[in-house]
């Protein structure tokens, strides 16, 4: 059985929701972070990193001035590298499963993030995360690693993917 499960798929298919559900439902100690939208009056203003212990930092926002941009959002590399990386390193030391949501275009601006993710994946640590659907040389290298299982999530296969992930998590305690 693979040590790393990464979900991919179109935006809005529920990748982060599925990761949060699995992390909340399991008795296995998990750590790391997920990303979620920042909305004001129903309008997306950016994205934030939320650690599994509840700390947050903006990852990207329309008001962030940064040389690193995705669409209209400036990317907060410093926030990712302080809170995000710290949560991954702590999870790698103390948790049975590391949650990485997500390995995407914004996060890939950071060499520190890429090195940390690669080190955790190559360590044999159990990882549950999400990864960008669009082709990218670095992300494609991660997807092709022998210990990585990539599952494409759609609105139609959510229950099957959830069941497969839950079975994988259950087998981590065996």
N, C-alpha and C. Protein backbone atom coordinates (compact mmCIF):
# COMPACT_ATOMS: atom_id res chain seq x y z
N UNK A 1 0.85 -1.18 0.00
CA UNK A 1 0.00 0.00 0.00
C UNK A 1 0.89 1.24 0.00
N UNK A 2 0.49 2.24 -0.75
CA UNK A 2 1.25 3.48 -0.89
C UNK A 2 1.26 4.26 0.43
N UNK A 3 2.33 5.03 0.67
CA UNK A 3 2.41 5.82 1.89
C UNK A 3 1.85 7.23 1.71
N UNK A 4 1.64 7.65 0.46
CA UNK A 4 1.16 9.00 0.17
C UNK A 4 -0.07 8.93 -0.72
N UNK A 5 -1.15 9.56 -0.26
CA UNK A 5 -2.37 9.69 -1.06
C UNK A 5 -2.59 11.17 -1.34
N UNK A 6 -2.65 11.53 -2.63
CA UNK A 6 -2.88 12.90 -3.04
C UNK A 6 -4.13 12.98 -3.91
N UNK A 7 -5.01 13.88 -3.53
CA UNK A 7 -6.21 14.13 -4.32
C UNK A 7 -5.93 15.23 -5.32
N UNK A 8 -6.48 15.08 -6.50
CA UNK A 8 -6.42 16.13 -7.49
C UNK A 8 -7.80 16.25 -8.11
N UNK A 9 -8.01 17.29 -8.88
CA UNK A 9 -9.31 17.48 -9.52
C UNK A 9 -9.59 18.95 -9.77
N UNK A 10 -10.70 19.18 -10.42
CA UNK A 10 -11.10 20.56 -10.75
C UNK A 10 -11.44 21.32 -9.47
N UNK A 11 -11.31 22.66 -9.50
CA UNK A 11 -11.75 23.46 -8.36
C UNK A 11 -13.23 23.20 -8.07
N UNK A 12 -13.57 23.17 -6.78
CA UNK A 12 -14.96 23.03 -6.40
C UNK A 12 -15.46 21.59 -6.29
N UNK A 13 -14.57 20.61 -6.46
CA UNK A 13 -15.02 19.21 -6.37
C UNK A 13 -15.02 18.70 -4.93
N UNK A 14 -14.46 19.47 -4.01
CA UNK A 14 -14.52 19.08 -2.60
C UNK A 14 -13.27 18.42 -2.06
N UNK A 15 -12.12 18.69 -2.67
CA UNK A 15 -10.88 18.07 -2.21
C UNK A 15 -10.56 18.45 -0.76
N UNK A 16 -10.58 19.74 -0.48
CA UNK A 16 -10.27 20.19 0.88
C UNK A 16 -11.33 19.70 1.86
N UNK A 17 -12.59 19.73 1.48
CA UNK A 17 -13.66 19.25 2.36
C UNK A 17 -13.45 17.78 2.70
N UNK A 18 -13.05 16.98 1.72
CA UNK A 18 -12.82 15.57 1.96
C UNK A 18 -11.64 15.37 2.91
N UNK A 19 -10.56 16.12 2.70
CA UNK A 19 -9.39 16.03 3.58
C UNK A 19 -9.79 16.40 5.01
N UNK A 20 -10.54 17.50 5.17
CA UNK A 20 -10.96 17.92 6.50
C UNK A 20 -11.85 16.87 7.16
N UNK A 21 -12.73 16.25 6.38
CA UNK A 21 -13.61 15.22 6.91
C UNK A 21 -12.81 14.02 7.40
N UNK A 22 -11.87 13.57 6.61
CA UNK A 22 -11.06 12.41 7.00
C UNK A 22 -10.24 12.74 8.25
N UNK A 23 -9.63 13.93 8.29
CA UNK A 23 -8.83 14.32 9.46
C UNK A 23 -9.69 14.40 10.71
N UNK A 24 -10.91 14.90 10.59
CA UNK A 24 -11.80 15.03 11.75
C UNK A 24 -12.33 13.67 12.22
N UNK A 25 -12.54 12.75 11.29
CA UNK A 25 -13.16 11.46 11.61
C UNK A 25 -12.18 10.42 12.14
N UNK A 26 -10.90 10.61 11.90
CA UNK A 26 -9.94 9.57 12.25
C UNK A 26 -9.49 9.67 13.71
N UNK A 27 -9.15 8.55 14.26
CA UNK A 27 -8.57 8.50 15.62
C UNK A 27 -7.05 8.60 15.54
N UNK A 28 -6.52 8.54 14.35
CA UNK A 28 -5.07 8.64 14.13
C UNK A 28 -4.67 10.11 14.25
N UNK A 29 -3.54 10.34 14.88
CA UNK A 29 -3.06 11.71 15.05
C UNK A 29 -2.62 12.28 13.70
N UNK A 30 -3.23 13.41 13.34
CA UNK A 30 -2.88 14.08 12.09
C UNK A 30 -2.37 15.48 12.42
N UNK A 31 -1.57 16.01 11.54
CA UNK A 31 -1.07 17.37 11.67
C UNK A 31 -0.78 17.92 10.29
N UNK A 32 -0.53 19.21 10.22
CA UNK A 32 -0.28 19.85 8.94
C UNK A 32 -1.25 20.99 8.74
N UNK A 33 -1.63 21.23 7.48
CA UNK A 33 -2.52 22.36 7.20
C UNK A 33 -3.40 22.10 5.98
N UNK A 34 -4.44 22.91 5.90
CA UNK A 34 -5.28 22.95 4.70
C UNK A 34 -5.47 24.42 4.33
N UNK A 35 -5.89 24.64 3.09
CA UNK A 35 -6.15 26.00 2.62
C UNK A 35 -7.65 26.16 2.40
N UNK A 36 -8.10 27.37 2.66
CA UNK A 36 -9.52 27.67 2.42
C UNK A 36 -9.66 29.11 1.94
N UNK A 37 -10.78 29.38 1.32
CA UNK A 37 -11.03 30.70 0.77
C UNK A 37 -11.27 31.72 1.87
N UNK A 38 -10.85 32.94 1.59
CA UNK A 38 -11.22 34.10 2.40
C UNK A 38 -12.30 34.83 1.60
N UNK A 39 -13.49 34.93 2.16
CA UNK A 39 -14.60 35.60 1.47
C UNK A 39 -15.10 36.77 2.29
N UNK A 40 -15.41 37.86 1.60
CA UNK A 40 -16.01 39.03 2.22
C UNK A 40 -17.27 39.35 1.42
N UNK A 41 -18.41 39.35 2.10
CA UNK A 41 -19.71 39.57 1.44
C UNK A 41 -19.89 38.63 0.25
N UNK A 42 -19.46 37.38 0.42
CA UNK A 42 -19.64 36.37 -0.61
C UNK A 42 -18.65 36.43 -1.75
N UNK A 43 -17.72 37.38 -1.71
CA UNK A 43 -16.75 37.54 -2.80
C UNK A 43 -15.38 37.05 -2.32
N UNK A 44 -14.78 36.17 -3.11
CA UNK A 44 -13.47 35.63 -2.73
C UNK A 44 -12.43 36.74 -2.80
N UNK A 45 -11.73 36.92 -1.68
CA UNK A 45 -10.67 37.92 -1.58
C UNK A 45 -9.29 37.28 -1.54
N UNK A 46 -9.25 35.97 -1.26
CA UNK A 46 -7.96 35.30 -1.19
C UNK A 46 -8.10 33.93 -0.58
N UNK A 47 -6.99 33.45 -0.03
CA UNK A 47 -6.91 32.12 0.56
C UNK A 47 -6.09 32.20 1.83
N UNK A 48 -6.44 31.35 2.80
CA UNK A 48 -5.64 31.30 4.02
C UNK A 48 -5.21 29.88 4.31
N UNK A 49 -4.09 29.78 5.02
CA UNK A 49 -3.62 28.51 5.54
C UNK A 49 -4.21 28.36 6.93
N UNK A 50 -4.78 27.20 7.20
CA UNK A 50 -5.28 26.88 8.54
C UNK A 50 -4.62 25.59 8.98
N UNK A 51 -3.89 25.65 10.10
CA UNK A 51 -3.26 24.44 10.61
C UNK A 51 -4.33 23.59 11.29
N UNK A 52 -4.03 22.33 11.47
CA UNK A 52 -4.99 21.45 12.13
C UNK A 52 -5.18 21.78 13.60
N UNK A 53 -4.29 22.61 14.16
CA UNK A 53 -4.51 23.08 15.54
C UNK A 53 -5.11 24.48 15.58
N UNK A 54 -5.60 24.98 14.41
CA UNK A 54 -6.40 26.19 14.38
C UNK A 54 -5.70 27.51 14.11
N UNK A 55 -4.41 27.52 13.88
CA UNK A 55 -3.73 28.77 13.56
C UNK A 55 -3.96 29.11 12.09
N UNK A 56 -4.01 30.40 11.78
CA UNK A 56 -4.23 30.82 10.39
C UNK A 56 -3.26 31.91 9.98
N UNK A 57 -3.03 31.98 8.69
CA UNK A 57 -2.25 33.06 8.09
C UNK A 57 -2.72 33.18 6.64
N UNK A 58 -2.82 34.41 6.12
CA UNK A 58 -3.18 34.54 4.70
C UNK A 58 -2.10 33.92 3.81
N UNK A 59 -2.53 33.14 2.84
CA UNK A 59 -1.61 32.59 1.84
C UNK A 59 -1.55 33.52 0.63
N UNK A 60 -2.70 34.00 0.23
CA UNK A 60 -2.78 34.90 -0.92
C UNK A 60 -4.00 35.79 -0.74
N UNK A 61 -3.88 37.03 -1.21
CA UNK A 61 -4.98 37.98 -1.03
C UNK A 61 -4.87 39.08 -2.07
N UNK A 62 -6.02 39.66 -2.43
CA UNK A 62 -6.02 40.75 -3.39
C UNK A 62 -5.25 41.97 -2.87
N UNK A 63 -5.14 42.13 -1.57
CA UNK A 63 -4.45 43.28 -0.97
C UNK A 63 -2.98 43.03 -0.67
N UNK A 64 -2.48 41.83 -0.90
CA UNK A 64 -1.06 41.54 -0.63
C UNK A 64 -0.24 41.99 -1.84
N UNK A 65 0.77 42.81 -1.55
CA UNK A 65 1.72 43.22 -2.59
C UNK A 65 2.89 42.24 -2.55
N UNK A 66 3.09 41.55 -3.64
CA UNK A 66 4.11 40.53 -3.68
C UNK A 66 4.57 40.35 -5.13
N UNK A 67 5.85 40.05 -5.32
CA UNK A 67 6.30 39.73 -6.68
C UNK A 67 5.74 38.40 -7.18
N UNK A 68 5.25 37.59 -6.23
CA UNK A 68 4.67 36.29 -6.57
C UNK A 68 3.16 36.46 -6.64
N UNK A 69 2.60 36.26 -7.85
CA UNK A 69 1.18 36.49 -8.06
C UNK A 69 0.56 35.31 -8.79
N UNK A 70 -0.69 35.02 -8.42
CA UNK A 70 -1.52 34.08 -9.16
C UNK A 70 -2.82 34.82 -9.40
N UNK A 71 -3.08 35.11 -10.66
CA UNK A 71 -4.27 35.89 -11.03
C UNK A 71 -4.21 37.23 -10.30
N UNK A 72 -5.25 37.58 -9.58
CA UNK A 72 -5.30 38.88 -8.90
C UNK A 72 -4.75 38.84 -7.48
N UNK A 73 -4.19 37.70 -7.08
CA UNK A 73 -3.76 37.50 -5.70
C UNK A 73 -2.24 37.60 -5.57
N UNK A 74 -1.81 38.40 -4.58
CA UNK A 74 -0.41 38.39 -4.19
C UNK A 74 -0.21 37.24 -3.21
N UNK A 75 0.90 36.53 -3.34
CA UNK A 75 1.15 35.34 -2.52
C UNK A 75 2.08 35.70 -1.35
N UNK A 76 1.68 35.28 -0.17
CA UNK A 76 2.39 35.54 1.08
C UNK A 76 3.37 34.39 1.34
N UNK A 77 4.53 34.44 0.70
CA UNK A 77 5.54 33.39 0.86
C UNK A 77 6.00 33.31 2.32
N UNK A 78 6.17 34.46 2.97
CA UNK A 78 6.64 34.48 4.36
C UNK A 78 5.66 33.73 5.28
N UNK A 79 4.38 33.93 5.09
CA UNK A 79 3.38 33.24 5.91
C UNK A 79 3.40 31.74 5.67
N UNK A 80 3.52 31.36 4.40
CA UNK A 80 3.61 29.94 4.06
C UNK A 80 4.84 29.32 4.71
N UNK A 81 5.97 30.02 4.61
CA UNK A 81 7.21 29.45 5.11
C UNK A 81 7.31 29.47 6.63
N UNK A 82 6.58 30.36 7.28
CA UNK A 82 6.62 30.36 8.74
C UNK A 82 5.59 29.37 9.28
N UNK A 83 4.32 29.68 9.16
CA UNK A 83 3.27 28.84 9.75
C UNK A 83 3.08 27.52 9.00
N UNK A 84 3.01 27.57 7.69
CA UNK A 84 2.75 26.36 6.90
C UNK A 84 3.85 25.33 7.04
N UNK A 85 5.08 25.74 6.83
CA UNK A 85 6.22 24.81 6.93
C UNK A 85 6.36 24.30 8.36
N UNK A 86 6.21 25.20 9.34
CA UNK A 86 6.32 24.78 10.75
C UNK A 86 5.29 23.70 11.07
N UNK A 87 4.06 23.85 10.55
CA UNK A 87 3.03 22.84 10.83
C UNK A 87 3.36 21.51 10.17
N UNK A 88 3.96 21.54 8.98
CA UNK A 88 4.34 20.30 8.31
C UNK A 88 5.49 19.61 9.05
N UNK A 89 6.47 20.40 9.47
CA UNK A 89 7.61 19.80 10.18
C UNK A 89 7.19 19.23 11.53
N UNK A 90 6.30 19.94 12.23
CA UNK A 90 5.79 19.42 13.50
C UNK A 90 5.00 18.12 13.27
N UNK A 91 4.17 18.12 12.23
CA UNK A 91 3.39 16.92 11.92
C UNK A 91 4.30 15.75 11.56
N UNK A 92 5.36 16.02 10.82
CA UNK A 92 6.29 14.95 10.44
C UNK A 92 6.96 14.34 11.68
N UNK A 93 7.19 15.15 12.70
CA UNK A 93 7.81 14.66 13.94
C UNK A 93 6.82 13.97 14.85
N UNK A 94 5.57 14.49 14.94
CA UNK A 94 4.67 14.09 16.01
C UNK A 94 3.40 13.35 15.58
N UNK A 95 3.04 13.42 14.32
CA UNK A 95 1.77 12.84 13.87
C UNK A 95 1.99 11.58 13.06
N UNK A 96 0.94 10.78 13.00
CA UNK A 96 1.01 9.57 12.19
C UNK A 96 0.76 9.87 10.71
N UNK A 97 -0.07 10.89 10.45
CA UNK A 97 -0.36 11.28 9.06
C UNK A 97 -0.17 12.79 8.94
N UNK A 98 0.58 13.20 7.90
CA UNK A 98 0.80 14.62 7.61
C UNK A 98 -0.22 15.05 6.56
N UNK A 99 -0.95 16.12 6.86
CA UNK A 99 -1.93 16.69 5.93
C UNK A 99 -1.28 17.85 5.18
N UNK A 100 -1.26 17.78 3.85
CA UNK A 100 -0.72 18.86 3.03
C UNK A 100 -1.79 19.24 1.99
N UNK A 101 -2.50 20.31 2.28
CA UNK A 101 -3.54 20.82 1.36
C UNK A 101 -3.24 22.32 1.14
N UNK A 102 -2.51 22.66 0.18
CA UNK A 102 -2.33 21.85 -1.00
C UNK A 102 -0.95 22.04 -1.59
N UNK A 103 -0.62 21.18 -2.54
CA UNK A 103 0.59 21.36 -3.33
C UNK A 103 0.10 21.98 -4.64
N UNK A 104 0.16 23.31 -4.70
CA UNK A 104 -0.42 24.03 -5.83
C UNK A 104 0.47 25.17 -6.29
N UNK A 105 -0.04 25.90 -7.25
CA UNK A 105 0.72 26.96 -7.90
C UNK A 105 1.25 27.99 -6.91
N UNK A 106 0.43 28.41 -5.96
CA UNK A 106 0.86 29.42 -4.99
C UNK A 106 1.98 28.90 -4.12
N UNK A 107 1.83 27.69 -3.63
CA UNK A 107 2.82 27.09 -2.73
C UNK A 107 4.14 26.81 -3.45
N UNK A 108 4.07 26.53 -4.74
CA UNK A 108 5.28 26.15 -5.48
C UNK A 108 6.21 27.32 -5.76
N UNK A 109 5.81 28.55 -5.40
CA UNK A 109 6.73 29.68 -5.46
C UNK A 109 7.83 29.54 -4.41
N UNK A 110 7.60 28.73 -3.40
CA UNK A 110 8.53 28.58 -2.29
C UNK A 110 9.41 27.34 -2.44
N UNK A 111 10.70 27.56 -2.58
CA UNK A 111 11.65 26.44 -2.62
C UNK A 111 11.68 25.72 -1.28
N UNK A 112 11.52 26.46 -0.19
CA UNK A 112 11.50 25.86 1.15
C UNK A 112 10.32 24.89 1.26
N UNK A 113 9.15 25.31 0.76
CA UNK A 113 7.97 24.43 0.77
C UNK A 113 8.25 23.17 -0.04
N UNK A 114 8.76 23.33 -1.26
CA UNK A 114 9.01 22.18 -2.12
C UNK A 114 10.00 21.21 -1.47
N UNK A 115 11.07 21.74 -0.89
CA UNK A 115 12.07 20.89 -0.24
C UNK A 115 11.47 20.16 0.96
N UNK A 116 10.63 20.85 1.73
CA UNK A 116 10.00 20.23 2.90
C UNK A 116 9.05 19.11 2.48
N UNK A 117 8.22 19.38 1.50
CA UNK A 117 7.27 18.37 1.00
C UNK A 117 8.02 17.15 0.47
N UNK A 118 9.04 17.39 -0.32
CA UNK A 118 9.82 16.28 -0.89
C UNK A 118 10.47 15.45 0.22
N UNK A 119 11.04 16.12 1.21
CA UNK A 119 11.69 15.41 2.32
C UNK A 119 10.68 14.55 3.08
N UNK A 120 9.48 15.09 3.34
CA UNK A 120 8.46 14.34 4.08
C UNK A 120 7.98 13.14 3.26
N UNK A 121 7.72 13.36 1.98
CA UNK A 121 7.25 12.26 1.12
C UNK A 121 8.32 11.18 1.02
N UNK A 122 9.58 11.57 0.85
CA UNK A 122 10.66 10.60 0.71
C UNK A 122 11.02 9.90 2.02
N UNK A 123 10.56 10.44 3.14
CA UNK A 123 10.88 9.86 4.45
C UNK A 123 10.09 8.58 4.74
N UNK A 124 9.04 8.34 3.95
CA UNK A 124 8.18 7.19 4.22
C UNK A 124 7.01 7.54 5.13
N UNK A 125 6.97 8.79 5.59
CA UNK A 125 5.88 9.25 6.44
C UNK A 125 4.56 9.15 5.67
N UNK A 126 3.47 8.85 6.37
CA UNK A 126 2.16 8.82 5.73
C UNK A 126 1.70 10.25 5.46
N UNK A 127 1.27 10.51 4.24
CA UNK A 127 0.84 11.84 3.83
C UNK A 127 -0.51 11.73 3.14
N UNK A 128 -1.41 12.63 3.51
CA UNK A 128 -2.68 12.79 2.83
C UNK A 128 -2.76 14.25 2.40
N UNK A 129 -2.95 14.47 1.11
CA UNK A 129 -2.94 15.85 0.64
C UNK A 129 -3.68 16.04 -0.66
N UNK A 130 -3.51 17.25 -1.17
CA UNK A 130 -4.06 17.58 -2.48
C UNK A 130 -2.93 18.14 -3.34
N UNK A 131 -3.05 17.95 -4.64
CA UNK A 131 -2.04 18.43 -5.57
C UNK A 131 -2.73 18.98 -6.81
N UNK A 132 -2.12 19.97 -7.40
CA UNK A 132 -2.70 20.63 -8.56
C UNK A 132 -2.97 19.65 -9.70
N UNK A 133 -4.07 19.88 -10.39
CA UNK A 133 -4.44 19.05 -11.53
C UNK A 133 -3.59 19.40 -12.75
N UNK A 134 -3.39 20.69 -12.96
CA UNK A 134 -2.65 21.17 -14.13
C UNK A 134 -1.21 20.65 -14.09
N UNK A 135 -0.68 20.37 -15.26
CA UNK A 135 0.68 19.86 -15.35
C UNK A 135 1.69 20.93 -14.91
N UNK A 136 2.65 20.50 -14.13
CA UNK A 136 3.76 21.34 -13.66
C UNK A 136 4.92 20.39 -13.46
N UNK A 137 6.13 20.72 -13.91
CA UNK A 137 7.24 19.77 -13.82
C UNK A 137 7.48 19.25 -12.39
N UNK A 138 7.46 20.12 -11.40
CA UNK A 138 7.73 19.69 -10.03
C UNK A 138 6.57 18.85 -9.49
N UNK A 139 5.35 19.32 -9.68
CA UNK A 139 4.18 18.57 -9.21
C UNK A 139 4.08 17.23 -9.92
N UNK A 140 4.39 17.20 -11.21
CA UNK A 140 4.34 15.94 -11.96
C UNK A 140 5.38 14.95 -11.45
N UNK A 141 6.55 15.45 -11.01
CA UNK A 141 7.57 14.59 -10.43
C UNK A 141 7.04 13.96 -9.14
N UNK A 142 6.36 14.74 -8.32
CA UNK A 142 5.78 14.21 -7.07
C UNK A 142 4.73 13.15 -7.41
N UNK A 143 3.86 13.46 -8.36
CA UNK A 143 2.80 12.52 -8.74
C UNK A 143 3.35 11.19 -9.24
N UNK A 144 4.55 11.20 -9.84
CA UNK A 144 5.09 9.98 -10.44
C UNK A 144 5.93 9.15 -9.47
N UNK A 145 6.11 9.62 -8.25
CA UNK A 145 6.90 8.85 -7.28
C UNK A 145 6.20 7.52 -6.97
N UNK A 146 6.97 6.45 -6.78
CA UNK A 146 6.35 5.14 -6.58
C UNK A 146 5.52 5.03 -5.30
N UNK A 147 5.80 5.83 -4.29
CA UNK A 147 5.04 5.76 -3.04
C UNK A 147 3.77 6.61 -3.06
N UNK A 148 3.51 7.29 -4.18
CA UNK A 148 2.39 8.22 -4.27
C UNK A 148 1.23 7.62 -5.06
N UNK A 149 0.06 7.67 -4.47
CA UNK A 149 -1.20 7.29 -5.14
C UNK A 149 -1.96 8.59 -5.40
N UNK A 150 -2.25 8.90 -6.65
CA UNK A 150 -3.01 10.09 -7.00
C UNK A 150 -4.43 9.67 -7.34
N UNK A 151 -5.39 10.30 -6.70
CA UNK A 151 -6.80 10.04 -6.96
C UNK A 151 -7.45 11.30 -7.49
N UNK A 152 -8.12 11.19 -8.63
CA UNK A 152 -8.83 12.34 -9.19
C UNK A 152 -10.24 12.37 -8.63
N UNK A 153 -10.55 13.45 -7.93
CA UNK A 153 -11.86 13.61 -7.30
C UNK A 153 -12.79 14.37 -8.24
N UNK A 154 -14.00 13.83 -8.39
CA UNK A 154 -15.05 14.52 -9.14
C UNK A 154 -16.29 14.55 -8.24
N UNK A 155 -17.27 15.29 -8.65
CA UNK A 155 -18.52 15.31 -7.87
C UNK A 155 -19.20 13.94 -7.90
N UNK A 156 -18.94 13.18 -8.94
CA UNK A 156 -19.60 11.88 -9.09
C UNK A 156 -18.92 10.74 -8.35
N UNK A 157 -17.61 10.87 -8.04
CA UNK A 157 -16.92 9.75 -7.40
C UNK A 157 -16.52 10.04 -5.96
N UNK A 158 -17.06 11.08 -5.38
CA UNK A 158 -16.66 11.50 -4.03
C UNK A 158 -16.81 10.37 -3.01
N UNK A 159 -17.92 9.66 -3.02
CA UNK A 159 -18.12 8.62 -2.01
C UNK A 159 -17.13 7.48 -2.19
N UNK A 160 -16.80 7.12 -3.43
CA UNK A 160 -15.83 6.05 -3.66
C UNK A 160 -14.43 6.48 -3.21
N UNK A 161 -14.05 7.72 -3.52
CA UNK A 161 -12.74 8.22 -3.12
C UNK A 161 -12.67 8.33 -1.60
N UNK A 162 -13.72 8.82 -0.98
CA UNK A 162 -13.76 8.90 0.49
C UNK A 162 -13.57 7.52 1.10
N UNK A 163 -14.25 6.53 0.57
CA UNK A 163 -14.14 5.16 1.09
C UNK A 163 -12.71 4.63 0.93
N UNK A 164 -12.09 4.89 -0.22
CA UNK A 164 -10.72 4.43 -0.44
C UNK A 164 -9.76 5.10 0.55
N UNK A 165 -9.93 6.40 0.77
CA UNK A 165 -9.07 7.13 1.72
C UNK A 165 -9.31 6.61 3.14
N UNK A 166 -10.56 6.40 3.51
CA UNK A 166 -10.86 5.88 4.86
C UNK A 166 -10.24 4.50 5.06
N UNK A 167 -10.29 3.64 4.05
CA UNK A 167 -9.67 2.33 4.13
C UNK A 167 -8.15 2.46 4.29
N UNK A 168 -7.56 3.38 3.54
CA UNK A 168 -6.11 3.63 3.63
C UNK A 168 -5.76 4.08 5.05
N UNK A 169 -6.54 5.01 5.61
CA UNK A 169 -6.29 5.50 6.96
C UNK A 169 -6.41 4.38 7.97
N UNK A 170 -7.46 3.58 7.85
CA UNK A 170 -7.65 2.44 8.76
C UNK A 170 -6.46 1.49 8.72
N UNK A 171 -5.92 1.27 7.53
CA UNK A 171 -4.79 0.35 7.38
C UNK A 171 -3.49 0.92 7.95
N UNK A 172 -3.47 2.21 8.26
CA UNK A 172 -2.27 2.82 8.83
C UNK A 172 -2.07 2.39 10.27
N UNK A 173 -3.12 1.92 10.91
CA UNK A 173 -3.01 1.47 12.29
C UNK A 173 -2.78 -0.02 12.39
N UNK A 174 -2.87 -0.69 11.26
CA UNK A 174 -2.70 -2.16 11.26
C UNK A 174 -1.25 -2.55 11.39
